[in-house]
Amino acid sequence: MPSYDVEFELNSEGLIIKPHVYLMELIKDYYEQKIIKYDKTRKIFITFPYYYVFLKSRFEENGLIVKPLDLQFDVLDIEFKGELREYQKEALSKWLEKGSGVIALPTGAGKTLIGISAACAVKQSTLIVTYTKEQMLQWRDAFIRFTNIEKRKIGLYYSEKKEIKPITVSTYQTAYRHIQELSYKFDVLVIDEAHHLPAEKFKRIALNSIATKRLGLSATPYRDDGKHEELFKFMGGLIYFKSPQELIEKGYLAPYEVVQEKVQLSIDERMMYNELLNKFKKYSRSRKVSELLMLAKKGDSDAIEALKIYNDMRKLVNLAKQKIDAVKRIVEKEKGNKILIFTQYVDQAEEIARTINGLLITGKISKSERERILNIFKSMKSGVLVLTTVGDEGLDIPDANVGIIVTGTGSRRQFIQRLGRLLRPGVDKKARLYEIMVRGTAEEYQALKRKETQMDMFLSSAEDDDI
């Protein structure tokens, strides 16, 4: 007779459960949810490594003798050399108490330092997953700056350069593709910009990691599709939150104001908009966009046509000619400041940059060229940088103090990310974010809704989908 009732193994298939007693009654819920599969031929169960801790605990609580995984993680000789703020200490303490969890703090509040101090406190091999290459490099540099760890013990795992070290930093795109290689080597998993994790391909990172200690970091953890519930499941729930206003009052973030700059559609644009609006009303039949999306997925032809018209309306509004004139006025008014201009469209960004003679970063520009332009802008005392959505996350320009939103998705998350680019504190700094919007359109409605819910919008990122 085997000396164990249950044995665990890890291989390329995932977590293998080898039973020597009848297990089905103990794992029936997992089996019915299709979390666990049974291989009749080999008489084994197969599941994701994420479930190891829960299953091991369940088996032991029911009196079974378990052969655990032989996990040998690197022990880190690492000390934190930085100084944590009061709220950062609170967040770290809460995470150490819980063992896992999501920490929600505004952009510029120092979430990276909390992640580094967590690794220093636990002293176990740590995998950090970031959304962009730029963020990955920022994490590496922060570890070097704020700890005593040697650079050779920090690995970058991306593209052709795939180093696995006691501290390894990767990107979502690389980590999910190579999670089998990373799965069992880290006891601590830190997910930066954690609101991205529930995406179908990215959640493979959390499911296939054996890490028992998990830390999610995000300024906007809640998702409009409701999938934040999966984020909280995989990373341990929301355990700590501070709003920008709380941190502004204590001097940790720069105070800010939001200025709404309203423009009109031209006569021709208004005629086109009204024509599209009448068509939209005909096909949508007073249903919200969220309802139309659900119907379109089921093949409803009217819903599909209504969404097409809706997108045409949004594009017409977003590209309104008077927006460029408004940008010119604001840039002239804010001369001497460091200005970021945000738009969704490459063509519009290029036109704005030409019109105001500003620097430009878009997805069309190579990463090396983006870094060169960003470094030029960082070295300037004042100036203008025009950005498409590549600037929504991972952009670190501490002295930027003016932002202009020309076009956006309308989501609160994007608004918060863009505002966050301006909130890093400075001597006598006050940030201003201008929203350019077209009167009598969804842009004006969305801005009004954000203003009404300003106190709680930093947790909720649901999109307003009414016309």
Protein backbone atom coordinates (compact mmCIF):
# COMPACT_ATOMS: atom_id res chain seq x y z
CA MET A 1 0.00 0.00 0.00
CA PRO A 2 1.31 3.52 -0.81
CA SER A 3 2.31 5.55 2.23
CA TYR A 4 0.32 8.51 0.84
CA ASP A 5 -3.39 8.87 0.14
CA VAL A 6 -2.76 11.59 -2.45
CA GLU A 7 0.33 12.65 -4.41
CA PHE A 8 0.87 15.90 -6.30
CA GLU A 9 3.11 16.40 -9.33
CA LEU A 10 3.74 19.22 -11.79
CA ASN A 11 4.37 18.71 -15.49
CA SER A 12 3.59 20.37 -18.83
CA GLU A 13 -0.07 19.33 -18.48
CA GLY A 14 -0.46 21.24 -15.21
CA LEU A 15 -1.03 20.02 -11.67
CA ILE A 16 -1.37 16.23 -11.48
CA ILE A 17 -3.29 14.61 -8.61
CA LYS A 18 -2.56 10.93 -8.07
CA PRO A 19 -5.17 9.39 -5.75
CA HIS A 20 -4.68 6.19 -3.80
CA VAL A 21 -8.08 6.52 -2.15
CA TYR A 22 -11.48 7.59 -3.47
CA LEU A 23 -11.38 11.39 -3.94
CA MET A 24 -14.42 12.32 -5.98
CA GLU A 25 -16.59 13.29 -3.01
CA LEU A 26 -13.95 15.79 -1.89
CA ILE A 27 -13.48 17.42 -5.30
CA LYS A 28 -16.94 16.99 -6.80
CA ASP A 29 -17.54 20.77 -6.93
CA TYR A 30 -14.29 21.36 -8.85
CA TYR A 31 -15.07 18.47 -11.19
CA GLU A 32 -18.59 19.72 -11.95
CA GLN A 33 -17.23 23.21 -12.64
CA LYS A 34 -14.73 21.58 -15.03
CA ILE A 35 -11.84 22.96 -13.02
CA ILE A 36 -10.55 19.42 -12.59
CA LYS A 37 -10.43 16.80 -15.35
CA TYR A 38 -10.17 13.04 -14.84
CA ASP A 39 -8.00 10.83 -17.03
CA LYS A 40 -9.54 7.37 -16.85
CA THR A 41 -6.62 5.68 -18.59
CA ARG A 42 -4.00 6.91 -16.15
CA LYS A 43 -6.40 7.23 -13.22
CA ILE A 44 -5.24 10.74 -12.38
CA PHE A 45 -6.84 14.16 -12.01
CA ILE A 46 -5.48 17.21 -13.83
CA THR A 47 -6.00 20.85 -12.91
CA PHE A 48 -4.24 24.21 -12.86
CA PRO A 49 -1.32 24.83 -10.46
CA TYR A 50 -3.26 27.76 -8.94
CA TYR A 51 -5.53 25.27 -7.13
CA TYR A 52 -2.67 23.41 -5.41
CA VAL A 53 -2.87 25.27 -2.09
CA PHE A 54 -6.67 24.91 -1.87
CA LEU A 55 -6.69 21.21 -2.75
CA LYS A 56 -3.79 20.33 -0.44
CA SER A 57 -5.52 22.11 2.42
CA ARG A 58 -8.86 20.40 1.68
CA PHE A 59 -7.32 16.93 1.57
CA GLU A 60 -5.38 17.44 4.80
CA GLU A 61 -8.42 18.86 6.60
CA ASN A 62 -10.23 15.65 5.69
CA GLY A 63 -7.55 13.50 7.26
CA LEU A 64 -5.72 12.39 4.12
CA ILE A 65 -1.97 11.90 4.07
CA VAL A 66 -0.66 14.10 1.27
CA LYS A 67 2.63 13.97 -0.58
CA PRO A 68 3.16 17.64 -1.41
CA LEU A 69 5.04 19.08 -4.35
CA ASP A 70 8.80 19.25 -3.95
CA LEU A 71 9.04 23.01 -4.42
CA GLN A 72 12.44 24.54 -3.86
CA PHE A 73 12.30 28.30 -4.24
CA ASP A 74 15.33 30.57 -4.14
CA VAL A 75 15.76 32.38 -0.83
CA LEU A 76 16.53 36.05 -1.37
CA ASP A 77 19.25 37.89 0.49
CA ILE A 78 17.53 41.22 -0.01
CA GLU A 79 16.89 44.30 2.12
CA PHE A 80 14.71 47.32 1.37
CA LYS A 81 16.70 50.59 1.40
CA GLY A 82 13.83 52.97 0.67
CA GLU A 83 11.41 54.80 2.95
CA LEU A 84 7.72 53.89 2.77
CA ARG A 85 4.99 56.43 3.31
CA GLU A 86 2.36 55.82 5.97
CA TYR A 87 -0.24 54.41 3.55
CA GLN A 88 2.37 52.25 1.80
CA LYS A 89 3.29 50.71 5.16
CA GLU A 90 -0.41 50.09 5.85
CA ALA A 91 -0.86 48.42 2.45
CA LEU A 92 2.21 46.22 2.92
CA SER A 93 1.13 45.24 6.44
CA LYS A 94 -2.33 44.27 5.17
CA TRP A 95 -0.80 42.15 2.39
CA LEU A 96 1.59 40.38 4.77
CA GLU A 97 -1.34 39.67 7.08
CA LYS A 98 -3.52 38.26 4.27
CA GLY A 99 -0.75 36.55 2.27
CA SER A 100 -2.32 37.64 -1.03
CA GLY A 101 -4.50 40.44 -2.35
CA VAL A 102 -5.03 43.42 -4.63
CA ILE A 103 -3.89 46.90 -3.60
CA ALA A 104 -5.63 49.80 -5.37
CA LEU A 105 -3.82 53.14 -5.27
CA PRO A 106 -3.82 56.07 -7.70
CA THR A 107 -1.19 56.44 -10.38
CA GLY A 108 1.85 58.11 -8.85
CA ALA A 109 1.18 56.76 -5.34
CA GLY A 110 4.16 54.40 -5.36
CA LYS A 111 2.66 50.95 -5.96
CA THR A 112 6.01 49.72 -7.29
CA LEU A 113 7.69 50.43 -3.95
CA ILE A 114 5.04 48.36 -2.18
CA GLY A 115 5.73 45.45 -4.54
CA ILE A 116 9.48 45.71 -3.95
CA SER A 117 9.08 45.93 -0.19
CA ALA A 118 6.80 42.86 -0.32
CA ALA A 119 9.54 40.85 -2.05
CA CYS A 120 12.03 42.09 0.54
CA ALA A 121 9.76 41.08 3.41
CA VAL A 122 9.04 37.56 2.12
CA LYS A 123 12.56 36.92 0.77
CA GLN A 124 11.40 34.27 -1.69
CA SER A 125 11.89 34.08 -5.46
CA THR A 126 9.58 36.62 -7.08
CA LEU A 127 8.03 36.99 -10.54
CA ILE A 128 6.79 40.47 -11.52
CA VAL A 129 4.53 40.78 -14.57
CA THR A 130 4.15 44.21 -16.18
CA TYR A 131 2.00 45.49 -19.02
CA THR A 132 4.74 47.15 -21.07
CA LYS A 133 8.46 46.75 -21.66
CA GLU A 134 8.97 50.27 -20.29
CA GLN A 135 7.33 49.26 -17.01
CA MET A 136 9.46 46.12 -16.88
CA LEU A 137 12.64 48.22 -17.10
CA GLN A 138 11.28 50.64 -14.48
CA TRP A 139 10.75 47.74 -12.06
CA ARG A 140 14.30 46.45 -12.63
CA ASP A 141 15.78 49.90 -12.07
CA ALA A 142 13.65 50.39 -8.94
CA PHE A 143 14.89 47.09 -7.46
CA ILE A 144 18.48 48.22 -8.04
CA ARG A 145 17.80 51.65 -6.54
CA PHE A 146 15.75 50.67 -3.50
CA THR A 147 17.31 47.33 -2.45
CA ASN A 148 20.74 45.85 -1.92
CA ILE A 149 20.22 43.12 -4.54
CA GLU A 150 22.91 42.70 -7.17
CA LYS A 151 21.90 43.46 -10.75
CA ARG A 152 22.97 39.96 -11.84
CA LYS A 153 20.24 38.49 -9.64
CA ILE A 154 17.49 40.33 -11.52
CA GLY A 155 16.33 38.67 -14.73
CA LEU A 156 14.41 40.23 -17.63
CA TYR A 157 12.18 37.68 -19.32
CA TYR A 158 10.96 38.99 -22.66
CA SER A 159 11.55 38.81 -26.42
CA GLU A 160 14.87 37.06 -27.16
CA LYS A 161 16.26 37.82 -23.71
CA LYS A 162 14.79 35.29 -21.31
CA GLU A 163 16.64 35.25 -17.99
CA ILE A 164 15.22 33.44 -14.98
CA LYS A 165 16.74 34.83 -11.79
CA PRO A 166 15.60 35.05 -8.12
CA ILE A 167 13.88 38.31 -9.11
CA THR A 168 12.43 37.99 -12.62
CA VAL A 169 10.47 40.70 -14.43
CA SER A 170 8.42 39.88 -17.51
CA THR A 171 5.55 41.31 -19.56
CA TYR A 172 2.02 39.97 -19.89
CA GLN A 173 2.59 39.09 -23.56
CA THR A 174 5.73 37.05 -22.84
CA ALA A 175 4.66 35.55 -19.52
CA TYR A 176 1.41 34.02 -20.75
CA ARG A 177 3.18 32.44 -23.72
CA HIS A 178 5.93 30.93 -21.55
CA ILE A 179 4.09 30.34 -18.29
CA GLN A 180 4.94 26.62 -18.33
CA GLU A 181 8.60 27.60 -18.01
CA LEU A 182 7.88 30.10 -15.23
CA SER A 183 5.10 28.22 -13.45
CA TYR A 184 6.88 26.47 -10.58
CA LYS A 185 9.95 28.67 -9.99
CA PHE A 186 8.45 31.50 -7.96
CA ASP A 187 6.66 31.58 -4.63
CA VAL A 188 5.69 35.26 -5.03
CA LEU A 189 3.69 36.55 -8.01
CA VAL A 190 3.32 40.33 -8.43
CA ILE A 191 0.92 41.49 -11.16
CA ASP A 192 1.28 45.15 -12.12
CA GLU A 193 -1.65 46.95 -13.82
CA ALA A 194 -3.64 44.00 -12.52
CA HIS A 195 -6.93 45.06 -14.17
CA HIS A 196 -5.54 43.46 -17.36
CA LEU A 197 -5.15 40.01 -15.77
CA PRO A 198 -8.73 38.71 -16.35
CA ALA A 199 -8.31 38.91 -20.13
CA GLU A 200 -8.73 35.36 -21.46
CA LYS A 201 -5.10 34.86 -22.47
CA PHE A 202 -3.54 36.72 -19.53
CA LYS A 203 -5.39 34.86 -16.79
CA ARG A 204 -3.36 31.81 -17.83
CA ILE A 205 -0.50 33.46 -15.94
CA ALA A 206 -2.40 33.32 -12.64
CA LEU A 207 -3.94 29.89 -13.28
CA ASN A 208 -0.64 28.25 -14.18
CA SER A 209 1.50 29.83 -11.47
CA ILE A 210 2.18 27.80 -8.35
CA ALA A 211 2.92 30.97 -6.34
CA THR A 212 1.33 30.88 -2.89
CA LYS A 213 1.81 34.60 -2.26
CA ARG A 214 0.15 36.94 -4.77
CA LEU A 215 0.05 40.71 -5.05
CA GLY A 216 -2.05 42.63 -7.58
CA LEU A 217 -1.42 46.34 -8.11
CA SER A 218 -3.79 48.68 -9.95
CA ALA A 219 -5.16 52.21 -9.94
CA THR A 220 -8.43 50.92 -11.40
CA PRO A 221 -9.09 47.30 -10.41
CA TYR A 222 -12.80 47.24 -11.26
CA ARG A 223 -13.75 46.37 -14.85
CA ASP A 224 -16.87 47.30 -16.79
CA ASP A 225 -17.26 43.65 -17.93
CA GLY A 226 -17.45 42.40 -14.33
CA LYS A 227 -14.30 40.30 -14.71
CA HIS A 228 -12.67 42.02 -11.73
CA GLU A 229 -14.27 39.16 -9.81
CA GLU A 230 -11.79 36.84 -11.52
CA LEU A 231 -8.94 39.19 -10.67
CA PHE A 232 -9.92 39.10 -7.00
CA LYS A 233 -10.27 35.33 -7.12
CA PHE A 234 -6.82 34.75 -8.62
CA MET A 235 -4.99 37.40 -6.58
CA GLY A 236 -6.79 37.32 -3.23
CA GLY A 237 -9.47 40.02 -3.17
CA LEU A 238 -9.23 43.80 -2.78
CA ILE A 239 -7.39 44.30 0.51
CA TYR A 240 -6.37 47.99 0.45
CA PHE A 241 -7.57 51.20 -1.22
CA LYS A 242 -6.90 54.93 -1.03
CA SER A 243 -8.52 57.58 -3.23
CA PRO A 244 -6.50 60.38 -4.87
CA GLN A 245 -8.28 62.95 -2.68
CA GLU A 246 -7.08 61.25 0.50
CA LEU A 247 -3.47 61.32 -0.72
CA ILE A 248 -3.75 64.88 -2.07
CA GLU A 249 -4.94 66.10 1.34
CA LYS A 250 -1.83 64.59 2.94
CA GLY A 251 0.47 66.08 0.29
CA TYR A 252 1.42 62.78 -1.35
CA LEU A 253 -0.13 63.71 -4.71
CA ALA A 254 -0.45 67.03 -6.50
CA PRO A 255 -3.82 68.80 -6.24
CA TYR A 256 -5.65 69.02 -9.53
CA GLU A 257 -8.55 70.60 -11.36
CA VAL A 258 -10.49 69.33 -14.36
CA VAL A 259 -11.41 71.99 -16.91
CA GLN A 260 -14.10 71.25 -19.49
CA GLU A 261 -13.55 72.97 -22.82
CA LYS A 262 -16.68 72.72 -24.97
CA VAL A 263 -16.72 73.10 -28.75
CA GLN A 264 -19.37 72.89 -31.46
CA LEU A 265 -19.76 70.68 -34.49
CA SER A 266 -19.54 72.62 -37.74
CA ILE A 267 -22.76 73.02 -39.73
CA ASP A 268 -21.79 70.12 -42.03
CA GLU A 269 -20.70 67.94 -39.09
CA ARG A 270 -23.95 68.65 -37.21
CA MET A 271 -26.04 67.68 -40.26
CA MET A 272 -24.12 64.40 -40.58
CA TYR A 273 -24.42 63.77 -36.82
CA ASN A 274 -28.20 64.33 -36.78
CA GLU A 275 -28.62 62.06 -39.79
CA LEU A 276 -26.64 59.31 -38.05
CA LEU A 277 -28.52 59.86 -34.78
CA ASN A 278 -31.89 59.39 -36.52
CA LYS A 279 -30.65 56.16 -38.08
CA PHE A 280 -29.32 54.99 -34.73
CA LYS A 281 -32.67 55.60 -33.05
CA LYS A 282 -34.38 53.62 -35.80
CA TYR A 283 -32.19 50.54 -35.43
CA SER A 284 -31.48 50.68 -31.67
CA ARG A 285 -35.13 51.13 -30.66
CA SER A 286 -34.13 52.88 -27.40
CA ARG A 287 -31.87 50.03 -26.28
CA LYS A 288 -28.59 50.85 -24.54
CA VAL A 289 -25.29 50.08 -26.23
CA SER A 290 -24.60 47.33 -23.68
CA GLU A 291 -27.85 45.62 -24.73
CA LEU A 292 -27.02 46.08 -28.41
CA LEU A 293 -23.63 44.46 -27.90
CA MET A 294 -25.24 41.38 -26.38
CA LEU A 295 -27.77 41.16 -29.21
CA ALA A 296 -25.10 41.68 -31.86
CA LYS A 297 -23.16 38.70 -30.49
CA LYS A 298 -26.30 36.63 -31.12
CA GLY A 299 -26.44 37.84 -34.73
CA ASP A 300 -29.24 40.44 -34.42
CA SER A 301 -28.95 42.41 -37.69
CA ASP A 302 -30.59 45.59 -36.33
CA ALA A 303 -28.23 45.62 -33.33
CA ILE A 304 -25.21 45.12 -35.61
CA GLU A 305 -26.31 48.03 -37.82
CA ALA A 306 -27.03 50.23 -34.79
CA LEU A 307 -23.51 49.62 -33.41
CA LYS A 308 -21.95 50.43 -36.77
CA ILE A 309 -23.83 53.75 -36.84
CA TYR A 310 -22.92 54.41 -33.20
CA ASN A 311 -19.21 53.98 -33.99
CA ASP A 312 -19.55 56.34 -36.97
CA MET A 313 -21.16 58.91 -34.66
CA ARG A 314 -18.35 58.62 -32.12
CA LYS A 315 -15.68 59.01 -34.76
CA LEU A 316 -17.41 62.07 -36.21
CA VAL A 317 -17.53 63.67 -32.75
CA ASN A 318 -13.99 62.64 -31.83
CA LEU A 319 -12.55 64.20 -34.98
CA ALA A 320 -14.57 67.43 -34.85
CA LYS A 321 -12.57 70.21 -36.52
CA GLN A 322 -13.00 72.70 -33.68
CA LYS A 323 -11.06 70.38 -31.34
CA ILE A 324 -7.77 71.29 -33.05
CA ASP A 325 -8.52 75.01 -32.55
CA ALA A 326 -9.26 74.35 -28.88
CA VAL A 327 -5.93 72.53 -28.48
CA LYS A 328 -4.09 75.52 -29.98
CA ARG A 329 -5.82 77.92 -27.56
CA ILE A 330 -5.03 75.79 -24.50
CA VAL A 331 -1.39 75.22 -25.49
CA GLU A 332 -0.92 78.96 -25.97
CA LYS A 333 -2.58 79.66 -22.61
CA GLU A 334 -0.42 77.05 -20.82
CA LYS A 335 2.87 78.09 -22.43
CA GLY A 336 5.78 77.46 -20.06
CA ASN A 337 4.21 74.27 -18.64
CA LYS A 338 4.86 70.63 -19.44
CA ILE A 339 1.85 69.48 -21.44
CA LEU A 340 0.61 65.99 -22.40
CA ILE A 341 -2.03 65.74 -25.15
CA PHE A 342 -4.05 62.50 -25.39
CA THR A 343 -5.97 61.21 -28.40
CA GLN A 344 -7.21 57.87 -29.74
CA TYR A 345 -6.31 58.44 -33.39
CA VAL A 346 -2.88 58.41 -35.00
CA ASP A 347 -3.94 60.77 -37.81
CA GLN A 348 -5.35 63.26 -35.32
CA ALA A 349 -2.23 63.01 -33.15
CA GLU A 350 -0.01 63.69 -36.16
CA GLU A 351 -2.12 66.71 -37.17
CA ILE A 352 -2.00 68.15 -33.64
CA ALA A 353 1.77 67.66 -33.38
CA ARG A 354 2.28 69.43 -36.73
CA THR A 355 -0.08 72.27 -35.80
CA ILE A 356 1.52 73.08 -32.44
CA ASN A 357 5.05 71.89 -33.26
CA GLY A 358 4.98 69.30 -30.47
CA LEU A 359 6.75 66.00 -29.91
CA LEU A 360 4.79 62.89 -30.93
CA ILE A 361 4.58 59.28 -29.73
CA THR A 362 2.24 56.78 -31.40
CA GLY A 363 2.09 53.03 -31.86
CA LYS A 364 3.50 53.48 -35.38
CA ILE A 365 6.81 54.67 -33.93
CA SER A 366 9.40 52.03 -32.97
CA LYS A 367 10.05 51.38 -29.28
CA SER A 368 13.61 52.70 -29.50
CA GLU A 369 12.40 55.91 -31.16
CA ARG A 370 9.65 56.27 -28.53
CA GLU A 371 12.28 56.01 -25.78
CA ARG A 372 14.44 58.63 -27.51
CA ILE A 373 11.51 61.08 -27.84
CA LEU A 374 10.41 60.44 -24.25
CA ASN A 375 13.92 61.14 -22.95
CA ILE A 376 14.01 64.41 -24.92
CA PHE A 377 10.68 65.48 -23.41
CA LYS A 378 11.78 64.50 -19.89
CA SER A 379 14.85 66.73 -20.23
CA MET A 380 12.78 69.76 -21.29
CA LYS A 381 11.64 72.37 -18.75
CA SER A 382 8.48 72.98 -20.78
CA GLY A 383 6.94 71.70 -23.99
CA VAL A 384 4.23 69.53 -25.49
CA LEU A 385 4.09 65.77 -26.05
CA VAL A 386 1.22 64.33 -28.12
CA LEU A 387 0.26 60.73 -27.31
CA THR A 388 -2.09 58.07 -28.58
CA THR A 389 -3.16 55.22 -26.27
CA VAL A 390 0.48 54.10 -25.89
CA GLY A 391 0.67 56.85 -23.24
CA ASP A 392 -2.27 55.66 -21.16
CA GLU A 393 -0.18 53.33 -19.00
CA GLY A 394 3.42 53.05 -17.88
CA LEU A 395 4.36 56.64 -18.72
CA ASP A 396 6.55 58.28 -16.05
CA ILE A 397 7.02 62.05 -16.48
CA PRO A 398 6.92 63.39 -12.90
CA ASP A 399 6.97 67.10 -13.80
CA ALA A 400 4.13 66.98 -16.38
CA ASN A 401 1.45 69.26 -14.94
CA VAL A 402 -1.04 69.91 -17.76
CA GLY A 403 -3.04 67.35 -19.73
CA ILE A 404 -5.42 67.78 -22.65
CA ILE A 405 -7.83 64.97 -23.57
CA VAL A 406 -8.83 65.47 -27.20
CA THR A 407 -10.45 62.06 -27.70
CA GLY A 408 -10.92 58.99 -25.53
CA THR A 409 -12.98 55.86 -25.13
CA GLY A 410 -15.31 57.48 -22.61
CA SER A 411 -14.33 54.97 -19.92
CA ARG A 412 -13.54 56.09 -16.41
CA ARG A 413 -10.50 53.84 -16.34
CA GLN A 414 -8.84 55.65 -19.23
CA PHE A 415 -9.73 59.04 -17.71
CA ILE A 416 -8.16 58.01 -14.39
CA GLN A 417 -5.01 56.70 -16.07
CA ARG A 418 -4.58 59.94 -18.00
CA LEU A 419 -5.22 62.11 -14.96
CA GLY A 420 -2.75 59.98 -13.02
CA ARG A 421 0.03 60.98 -15.41
CA LEU A 422 -0.17 64.48 -13.89
CA LEU A 423 -0.50 63.75 -10.17
CA ARG A 424 3.07 63.07 -9.12
CA PRO A 425 3.86 65.69 -6.46
CA GLY A 426 6.18 68.67 -6.94
CA VAL A 427 6.98 71.94 -5.24
CA ASP A 428 3.90 74.19 -5.54
CA LYS A 429 2.61 71.91 -8.31
CA LYS A 430 -1.05 72.01 -9.29
CA ALA A 431 -2.18 69.79 -12.13
CA ARG A 432 -4.79 70.76 -14.72
CA LEU A 433 -6.56 68.33 -17.01
CA TYR A 434 -8.55 69.78 -19.89
CA GLU A 435 -11.35 67.75 -21.48
CA ILE A 436 -12.27 68.93 -24.95
CA MET A 437 -15.82 67.84 -25.69
CA VAL A 438 -18.49 68.51 -28.28
CA ARG A 439 -21.70 70.04 -26.96
CA GLY A 440 -24.87 68.00 -27.25
CA THR A 441 -23.13 64.64 -27.76
CA ALA A 442 -22.19 61.56 -25.71
CA GLU A 443 -18.85 63.22 -24.83
CA GLU A 444 -20.64 65.90 -22.82
CA TYR A 445 -22.89 63.32 -21.11
CA GLN A 446 -19.96 61.09 -20.14
CA ALA A 447 -17.99 64.02 -18.72
CA LEU A 448 -21.03 65.07 -16.65
CA LYS A 449 -21.43 61.55 -15.25
CA ARG A 450 -17.74 61.42 -14.30
CA LYS A 451 -18.04 64.77 -12.53
CA GLU A 452 -21.10 63.62 -10.58
CA THR A 453 -19.33 60.45 -9.41
CA GLN A 454 -15.85 61.90 -8.92
CA MET A 455 -15.54 60.60 -5.36
CA ASP A 456 -15.97 56.94 -6.25
CA MET A 457 -14.91 56.78 -9.88
CA PHE A 458 -11.40 55.72 -8.92
CA LEU A 459 -12.74 52.33 -7.93
CA SER A 460 -15.43 51.95 -10.58
CA SER A 461 -14.44 51.95 -14.25
CA ALA A 462 -17.78 51.14 -15.85
CA GLU A 463 -18.41 52.80 -19.19
CA ASP A 464 -21.38 55.11 -19.75
CA ASP A 465 -23.04 53.83 -22.88
CA ASP A 466 -26.01 56.13 -23.39
CA ILE A 467 -26.17 58.47 -26.39
